[in-house]
């Protein structure tokens, strides 16, 4: 919606719309911590080949949820109540 309503948008413009890459390994470890489980997660975190530059989108006012929203989302998927 931010892009569609932007007067700066030009035909053919490309915007990276990802806060950051996250591996399944990282999600599993965050879920383990949120659930308070003592289990072994096997594997290694994968890294992206190329980092995405989102400054162009952020210059239009895009903000991301950061670590807090990431943890809330993982907790919601895992069925952990925030109450």
Protein backbone atom coordinates (compact mmCIF):
# COMPACT_ATOMS: atom_id res chain seq x y z
CA UNK A 1 0.00 0.00 0.00
CA UNK A 2 2.89 2.33 0.84
CA UNK A 3 4.36 1.84 -2.63
CA UNK A 4 1.05 2.13 -4.47
CA UNK A 5 0.28 5.43 -2.76
CA UNK A 6 3.78 6.86 -3.17
CA UNK A 7 4.07 9.76 -5.61
CA UNK A 8 7.77 8.84 -5.97
CA UNK A 9 7.00 5.44 -7.52
CA UNK A 10 8.17 5.16 -11.10
CA UNK A 11 7.30 2.39 -13.56
CA UNK A 12 9.99 -0.28 -13.35
CA UNK A 13 11.19 0.70 -9.86
CA UNK A 14 12.39 -2.19 -7.71
CA UNK A 15 12.06 -2.22 -3.92
CA UNK A 16 13.44 -4.83 -1.52
CA UNK A 17 10.70 -5.56 1.01
CA UNK A 18 12.40 -7.81 3.55
CA UNK A 19 13.63 -6.72 6.96
CA UNK A 20 16.23 -9.45 7.15
CA UNK A 21 16.81 -13.09 6.31
CA UNK A 22 16.13 -15.70 8.98
CA UNK A 23 17.05 -19.36 8.82
CA UNK A 24 14.97 -22.32 9.99
CA UNK A 25 17.77 -22.97 12.50
CA UNK A 26 17.30 -19.51 14.03
CA UNK A 27 13.51 -19.91 14.19
CA UNK A 28 13.91 -23.30 15.89
CA UNK A 29 16.31 -21.88 18.48
CA UNK A 30 14.07 -18.90 19.20
CA UNK A 31 11.06 -21.22 19.60
CA UNK A 32 13.09 -23.46 21.92
CA UNK A 33 13.94 -20.46 24.10
CA UNK A 34 10.37 -19.09 24.07
CA UNK A 35 8.97 -22.52 24.98
CA UNK A 36 11.57 -23.01 27.71
CA UNK A 37 12.59 -26.35 26.23
CA UNK A 38 15.91 -28.10 26.76
CA UNK A 39 16.44 -29.81 23.44
CA UNK A 40 19.22 -29.97 20.92
CA UNK A 41 18.74 -28.19 17.60
CA UNK A 42 20.91 -29.80 14.94
CA UNK A 43 22.22 -27.81 12.00
CA UNK A 44 23.74 -24.46 11.31
CA UNK A 45 22.18 -21.09 10.53
CA UNK A 46 22.25 -20.41 6.81
CA UNK A 47 23.36 -17.03 5.61
CA UNK A 48 22.03 -15.25 2.53
CA UNK A 49 24.34 -14.98 -0.45
CA UNK A 50 23.46 -11.32 -0.85
CA UNK A 51 22.08 -8.87 1.69
CA UNK A 52 19.06 -6.86 0.58
CA UNK A 53 19.28 -3.11 0.75
CA UNK A 54 15.94 -1.76 1.98
CA UNK A 55 16.94 1.89 2.39
CA UNK A 56 14.96 2.87 -0.71
CA UNK A 57 11.73 1.49 0.79
CA UNK A 58 12.53 2.85 4.26
CA UNK A 59 12.99 6.31 2.74
CA UNK A 60 9.28 6.16 1.86
CA UNK A 61 8.39 5.53 5.50
CA UNK A 62 8.46 1.71 5.72
CA UNK A 63 9.24 0.42 9.19
CA UNK A 64 9.75 -3.14 10.36
CA UNK A 65 8.83 -4.90 13.59
CA UNK A 66 12.34 -5.98 14.55
CA UNK A 67 13.27 -8.67 17.04
CA UNK A 68 10.21 -8.10 19.24
CA UNK A 69 7.73 -8.76 16.43
CA UNK A 70 9.78 -11.72 15.22
CA UNK A 71 9.60 -13.30 18.68
CA UNK A 72 5.87 -12.55 18.94
CA UNK A 73 5.25 -14.18 15.57
CA UNK A 74 7.24 -17.30 16.49
CA UNK A 75 5.39 -17.50 19.82
CA UNK A 76 2.04 -17.20 18.02
CA UNK A 77 2.99 -19.97 15.57
CA UNK A 78 4.15 -22.15 18.48
CA UNK A 79 0.85 -21.55 20.28
CA UNK A 80 2.35 -19.66 23.20
CA UNK A 81 -0.11 -17.29 24.88
CA UNK A 82 1.09 -13.76 25.63
CA UNK A 83 -1.29 -13.49 28.59
